[in-house]
N, C-alpha and C. Protein backbone atom coordinates (compact mmCIF):
# COMPACT_ATOMS: atom_id res chain seq x y z
N MET A 1 -30.23 -30.50 -10.08
CA MET A 1 -29.46 -29.74 -11.06
C MET A 1 -28.49 -28.82 -10.32
N PRO A 2 -27.24 -28.81 -10.72
CA PRO A 2 -26.26 -27.98 -10.03
C PRO A 2 -26.50 -26.50 -10.29
N ASP A 3 -25.96 -25.68 -9.42
CA ASP A 3 -26.04 -24.25 -9.59
C ASP A 3 -24.75 -23.76 -10.21
N HIS A 4 -24.87 -22.79 -11.09
CA HIS A 4 -23.71 -22.31 -11.84
C HIS A 4 -23.51 -20.82 -11.58
N TYR A 5 -22.27 -20.45 -11.44
CA TYR A 5 -21.88 -19.06 -11.30
C TYR A 5 -20.74 -18.77 -12.25
N ARG A 6 -20.75 -17.60 -12.81
CA ARG A 6 -19.58 -17.12 -13.53
C ARG A 6 -19.10 -15.93 -12.74
N GLN A 7 -17.85 -15.95 -12.36
CA GLN A 7 -17.33 -14.92 -11.48
C GLN A 7 -16.20 -14.13 -12.11
N PRO A 8 -16.50 -13.04 -12.76
CA PRO A 8 -15.39 -12.18 -13.16
C PRO A 8 -14.96 -11.34 -11.97
N ALA A 9 -13.92 -11.75 -11.32
CA ALA A 9 -13.45 -11.05 -10.12
C ALA A 9 -12.42 -10.01 -10.52
N GLY A 10 -12.86 -8.85 -10.90
CA GLY A 10 -11.98 -7.81 -11.39
C GLY A 10 -11.29 -7.07 -10.26
N ARG A 11 -10.13 -6.56 -10.53
CA ARG A 11 -9.42 -5.77 -9.55
C ARG A 11 -9.28 -4.35 -10.10
N GLY A 12 -9.58 -3.39 -9.27
CA GLY A 12 -9.66 -2.02 -9.72
C GLY A 12 -8.35 -1.27 -9.75
N HIS A 13 -8.45 0.03 -9.74
CA HIS A 13 -7.32 0.95 -9.83
C HIS A 13 -6.24 0.58 -8.81
N GLY A 14 -5.01 0.59 -9.25
CA GLY A 14 -3.90 0.33 -8.36
C GLY A 14 -3.42 -1.11 -8.40
N TRP A 15 -4.16 -1.99 -9.03
CA TRP A 15 -3.77 -3.39 -9.12
C TRP A 15 -2.98 -3.59 -10.39
N ARG A 16 -1.91 -4.34 -10.34
CA ARG A 16 -1.06 -4.50 -11.51
C ARG A 16 -1.26 -5.82 -12.22
N GLY A 17 -2.18 -6.64 -11.76
CA GLY A 17 -2.43 -7.93 -12.40
C GLY A 17 -3.70 -7.89 -13.24
N ALA A 18 -3.87 -8.92 -14.03
CA ALA A 18 -5.08 -9.03 -14.85
C ALA A 18 -6.23 -9.51 -13.98
N PRO A 19 -7.47 -9.13 -14.35
CA PRO A 19 -8.62 -9.64 -13.60
C PRO A 19 -8.68 -11.17 -13.66
N ALA A 20 -9.17 -11.76 -12.59
CA ALA A 20 -9.30 -13.21 -12.52
C ALA A 20 -10.76 -13.60 -12.73
N THR A 21 -10.99 -14.69 -13.41
CA THR A 21 -12.34 -15.18 -13.67
C THR A 21 -12.37 -16.68 -13.38
N ALA A 22 -13.47 -17.13 -12.80
CA ALA A 22 -13.63 -18.56 -12.54
C ALA A 22 -15.08 -18.94 -12.75
N ARG A 23 -15.28 -20.20 -13.08
CA ARG A 23 -16.63 -20.75 -13.18
C ARG A 23 -16.80 -21.69 -11.98
N LEU A 24 -17.90 -21.51 -11.27
CA LEU A 24 -18.17 -22.31 -10.08
C LEU A 24 -19.46 -23.08 -10.28
N THR A 25 -19.40 -24.37 -10.08
CA THR A 25 -20.58 -25.22 -10.18
C THR A 25 -20.78 -25.90 -8.84
N CYS A 26 -21.87 -25.60 -8.19
CA CYS A 26 -22.17 -26.22 -6.90
C CYS A 26 -23.14 -27.38 -7.11
N GLY A 27 -23.12 -28.31 -6.22
CA GLY A 27 -23.92 -29.51 -6.35
C GLY A 27 -22.98 -30.69 -6.52
N TRP A 28 -21.93 -30.46 -7.25
CA TRP A 28 -20.82 -31.40 -7.31
C TRP A 28 -19.52 -30.60 -7.28
N ASP A 29 -19.56 -29.49 -6.57
CA ASP A 29 -18.43 -28.58 -6.38
C ASP A 29 -17.37 -28.72 -7.48
N GLY A 30 -17.44 -27.84 -8.43
CA GLY A 30 -16.48 -27.93 -9.51
C GLY A 30 -16.38 -26.64 -10.30
N GLY A 31 -16.04 -26.79 -11.56
CA GLY A 31 -15.76 -25.65 -12.41
C GLY A 31 -14.28 -25.35 -12.36
N THR A 32 -13.93 -24.12 -12.63
CA THR A 32 -12.52 -23.72 -12.64
C THR A 32 -12.13 -22.98 -11.37
N HIS A 33 -13.02 -22.88 -10.41
CA HIS A 33 -12.74 -22.17 -9.16
C HIS A 33 -11.74 -22.98 -8.33
N PRO A 34 -10.65 -22.35 -7.85
CA PRO A 34 -9.64 -23.10 -7.10
C PRO A 34 -10.09 -23.55 -5.71
N LYS A 35 -11.12 -22.94 -5.16
CA LYS A 35 -11.62 -23.31 -3.83
C LYS A 35 -13.12 -23.57 -3.91
N ALA A 36 -13.51 -24.43 -4.86
CA ALA A 36 -14.92 -24.67 -5.14
C ALA A 36 -15.70 -25.17 -3.93
N ALA A 37 -15.17 -26.11 -3.19
CA ALA A 37 -15.91 -26.68 -2.05
C ALA A 37 -16.21 -25.61 -1.01
N ALA A 38 -15.23 -24.79 -0.67
CA ALA A 38 -15.43 -23.74 0.34
C ALA A 38 -16.39 -22.66 -0.18
N ALA A 39 -16.24 -22.28 -1.45
CA ALA A 39 -17.12 -21.27 -2.03
C ALA A 39 -18.57 -21.77 -2.07
N CYS A 40 -18.77 -23.02 -2.47
CA CYS A 40 -20.11 -23.58 -2.52
C CYS A 40 -20.71 -23.72 -1.13
N ALA A 41 -19.90 -24.08 -0.15
CA ALA A 41 -20.40 -24.19 1.22
C ALA A 41 -20.90 -22.84 1.72
N LEU A 42 -20.15 -21.79 1.45
CA LEU A 42 -20.57 -20.45 1.86
C LEU A 42 -21.86 -20.06 1.15
N LEU A 43 -21.91 -20.26 -0.16
CA LEU A 43 -23.11 -19.90 -0.92
C LEU A 43 -24.33 -20.70 -0.48
N THR A 44 -24.12 -21.93 -0.07
CA THR A 44 -25.22 -22.75 0.42
C THR A 44 -25.80 -22.15 1.70
N THR A 45 -24.94 -21.64 2.58
CA THR A 45 -25.43 -21.07 3.85
C THR A 45 -26.27 -19.82 3.63
N VAL A 46 -26.05 -19.12 2.52
CA VAL A 46 -26.82 -17.89 2.24
C VAL A 46 -27.79 -18.09 1.09
N GLU A 47 -28.05 -19.34 0.75
CA GLU A 47 -28.98 -19.71 -0.32
C GLU A 47 -28.69 -18.97 -1.63
N GLY A 48 -27.39 -18.87 -1.93
CA GLY A 48 -26.96 -18.28 -3.20
C GLY A 48 -26.92 -16.76 -3.22
N ASP A 49 -27.32 -16.10 -2.15
CA ASP A 49 -27.37 -14.64 -2.10
C ASP A 49 -26.19 -14.13 -1.27
N LEU A 50 -25.08 -13.83 -1.94
CA LEU A 50 -23.86 -13.44 -1.24
C LEU A 50 -24.04 -12.18 -0.41
N ALA A 51 -24.97 -11.32 -0.78
CA ALA A 51 -25.22 -10.10 0.00
C ALA A 51 -25.73 -10.43 1.40
N ARG A 52 -26.24 -11.63 1.62
CA ARG A 52 -26.71 -12.05 2.94
C ARG A 52 -25.58 -12.53 3.85
N HIS A 53 -24.40 -12.73 3.29
CA HIS A 53 -23.27 -13.21 4.09
C HIS A 53 -22.81 -12.09 5.02
N PRO A 54 -22.77 -12.35 6.33
CA PRO A 54 -22.39 -11.28 7.26
C PRO A 54 -20.91 -10.93 7.23
N GLY A 55 -20.11 -11.73 6.57
CA GLY A 55 -18.67 -11.49 6.53
C GLY A 55 -17.99 -12.08 7.74
N GLU A 56 -16.69 -12.09 7.70
CA GLU A 56 -15.88 -12.63 8.79
C GLU A 56 -15.23 -11.47 9.53
N ARG A 57 -14.83 -11.73 10.75
CA ARG A 57 -14.12 -10.72 11.52
C ARG A 57 -12.63 -10.89 11.27
N GLY A 58 -11.92 -9.80 11.24
CA GLY A 58 -10.49 -9.85 11.04
C GLY A 58 -9.94 -8.44 10.90
N ALA A 59 -8.64 -8.34 10.88
CA ALA A 59 -7.97 -7.05 10.76
C ALA A 59 -7.33 -6.93 9.38
N CYS A 60 -7.52 -5.79 8.77
CA CYS A 60 -6.91 -5.50 7.47
C CYS A 60 -6.16 -4.18 7.55
N THR A 61 -5.16 -4.03 6.72
CA THR A 61 -4.46 -2.75 6.63
C THR A 61 -5.38 -1.76 5.93
N LYS A 62 -5.01 -0.50 5.98
CA LYS A 62 -5.83 0.54 5.35
C LYS A 62 -5.32 0.92 3.97
N GLU A 63 -4.51 0.05 3.36
CA GLU A 63 -4.02 0.36 2.02
C GLU A 63 -5.19 0.46 1.05
N HIS A 64 -5.04 1.33 0.07
CA HIS A 64 -6.11 1.56 -0.89
C HIS A 64 -5.74 0.92 -2.23
N HIS A 65 -6.25 -0.28 -2.46
CA HIS A 65 -6.08 -1.02 -3.71
C HIS A 65 -7.43 -1.63 -4.03
N PRO A 66 -8.34 -0.82 -4.60
CA PRO A 66 -9.72 -1.28 -4.80
C PRO A 66 -9.82 -2.58 -5.59
N HIS A 67 -10.72 -3.42 -5.16
CA HIS A 67 -11.05 -4.68 -5.84
C HIS A 67 -12.55 -4.67 -6.10
N THR A 68 -12.91 -4.72 -7.36
CA THR A 68 -14.32 -4.81 -7.74
C THR A 68 -14.60 -6.25 -8.13
N VAL A 69 -15.63 -6.81 -7.54
CA VAL A 69 -15.98 -8.20 -7.83
C VAL A 69 -17.43 -8.27 -8.32
N SER A 70 -17.68 -9.25 -9.16
CA SER A 70 -19.06 -9.46 -9.61
C SER A 70 -19.30 -10.94 -9.77
N LEU A 71 -20.53 -11.31 -9.60
CA LEU A 71 -20.95 -12.70 -9.69
C LEU A 71 -22.30 -12.70 -10.38
N SER A 72 -22.50 -13.63 -11.28
CA SER A 72 -23.82 -13.81 -11.87
C SER A 72 -24.02 -15.29 -12.15
N GLY A 73 -25.24 -15.74 -12.01
CA GLY A 73 -25.52 -17.15 -12.25
C GLY A 73 -26.93 -17.51 -11.82
N THR A 74 -27.13 -18.79 -11.54
CA THR A 74 -28.43 -19.25 -11.07
C THR A 74 -28.24 -20.05 -9.79
N TRP A 75 -29.23 -19.98 -8.94
CA TRP A 75 -29.25 -20.75 -7.70
C TRP A 75 -30.66 -21.28 -7.53
N ASN A 76 -30.80 -22.60 -7.52
CA ASN A 76 -32.12 -23.23 -7.41
C ASN A 76 -33.10 -22.66 -8.43
N GLY A 77 -32.63 -22.43 -9.63
CA GLY A 77 -33.48 -21.98 -10.72
C GLY A 77 -33.74 -20.48 -10.78
N ARG A 78 -33.21 -19.70 -9.85
CA ARG A 78 -33.41 -18.25 -9.92
C ARG A 78 -32.10 -17.55 -10.21
N ASN A 79 -32.20 -16.46 -10.95
CA ASN A 79 -31.02 -15.68 -11.30
C ASN A 79 -30.52 -14.93 -10.07
N VAL A 80 -29.21 -14.92 -9.90
CA VAL A 80 -28.59 -14.18 -8.81
C VAL A 80 -27.42 -13.38 -9.36
N SER A 81 -27.13 -12.27 -8.69
CA SER A 81 -25.98 -11.47 -9.09
C SER A 81 -25.46 -10.72 -7.86
N TYR A 82 -24.23 -10.28 -7.96
CA TYR A 82 -23.58 -9.57 -6.87
C TYR A 82 -22.52 -8.68 -7.49
N LEU A 83 -22.45 -7.43 -7.10
CA LEU A 83 -21.44 -6.49 -7.59
C LEU A 83 -21.07 -5.57 -6.44
N ARG A 84 -19.77 -5.48 -6.16
CA ARG A 84 -19.33 -4.62 -5.08
C ARG A 84 -17.85 -4.29 -5.24
N THR A 85 -17.47 -3.11 -4.78
CA THR A 85 -16.07 -2.70 -4.76
C THR A 85 -15.61 -2.59 -3.31
N PHE A 86 -14.45 -3.19 -3.03
CA PHE A 86 -13.87 -3.18 -1.69
C PHE A 86 -12.57 -2.39 -1.73
N GLY A 87 -12.17 -1.83 -0.60
CA GLY A 87 -10.96 -1.01 -0.53
C GLY A 87 -9.67 -1.75 -0.82
N ASN A 88 -9.63 -3.05 -0.51
CA ASN A 88 -8.45 -3.86 -0.81
C ASN A 88 -8.82 -5.34 -0.74
N ARG A 89 -7.88 -6.18 -1.09
CA ARG A 89 -8.13 -7.63 -1.16
C ARG A 89 -8.52 -8.21 0.20
N CYS A 90 -7.88 -7.78 1.26
CA CYS A 90 -8.16 -8.30 2.59
C CYS A 90 -9.62 -8.04 2.97
N VAL A 91 -10.08 -6.82 2.78
CA VAL A 91 -11.47 -6.47 3.09
C VAL A 91 -12.42 -7.30 2.23
N MET A 92 -12.08 -7.48 0.95
CA MET A 92 -12.89 -8.29 0.05
C MET A 92 -13.01 -9.72 0.56
N LEU A 93 -11.89 -10.33 0.96
CA LEU A 93 -11.91 -11.72 1.42
C LEU A 93 -12.69 -11.87 2.72
N LEU A 94 -12.60 -10.91 3.62
CA LEU A 94 -13.39 -10.98 4.85
C LEU A 94 -14.88 -10.93 4.54
N ALA A 95 -15.26 -10.14 3.54
CA ALA A 95 -16.67 -9.99 3.20
C ALA A 95 -17.22 -11.13 2.37
N THR A 96 -16.39 -11.76 1.54
CA THR A 96 -16.91 -12.74 0.59
C THR A 96 -16.34 -14.14 0.76
N GLY A 97 -15.46 -14.34 1.72
CA GLY A 97 -14.90 -15.67 1.95
C GLY A 97 -14.22 -16.23 0.73
N ALA A 98 -14.39 -17.52 0.52
CA ALA A 98 -13.72 -18.21 -0.59
C ALA A 98 -14.32 -17.91 -1.96
N VAL A 99 -15.48 -17.27 -1.97
CA VAL A 99 -16.16 -17.04 -3.26
C VAL A 99 -15.27 -16.29 -4.25
N PHE A 100 -14.58 -15.26 -3.79
CA PHE A 100 -13.71 -14.50 -4.69
C PHE A 100 -12.23 -14.69 -4.38
N ASP A 101 -11.89 -15.75 -3.70
CA ASP A 101 -10.48 -16.06 -3.41
C ASP A 101 -9.91 -16.84 -4.59
N LEU A 102 -9.61 -16.11 -5.65
CA LEU A 102 -9.16 -16.73 -6.91
C LEU A 102 -7.66 -16.56 -7.09
């Protein structure tokens, strides 16, 4: 049975666009997520627990454009969720990879 996530990837204060939302289905990598294969690969390495992802190394500017992201769904039959606010999009992408690259 595939694993399902609903990802309301909201952007906080200072962002001028509407929040982005995607549905991610792993097992046959799909849903409405634009980078489903990469997002599912990352989630597979952390067994669906995004908080276990150590993040990537990289350099980001210090601009303050908060991005709040959340994820909820099931992984191998158990409920999972993730909620965090990052200082800007670059920091968010380093921490969460393709999962919130919407």
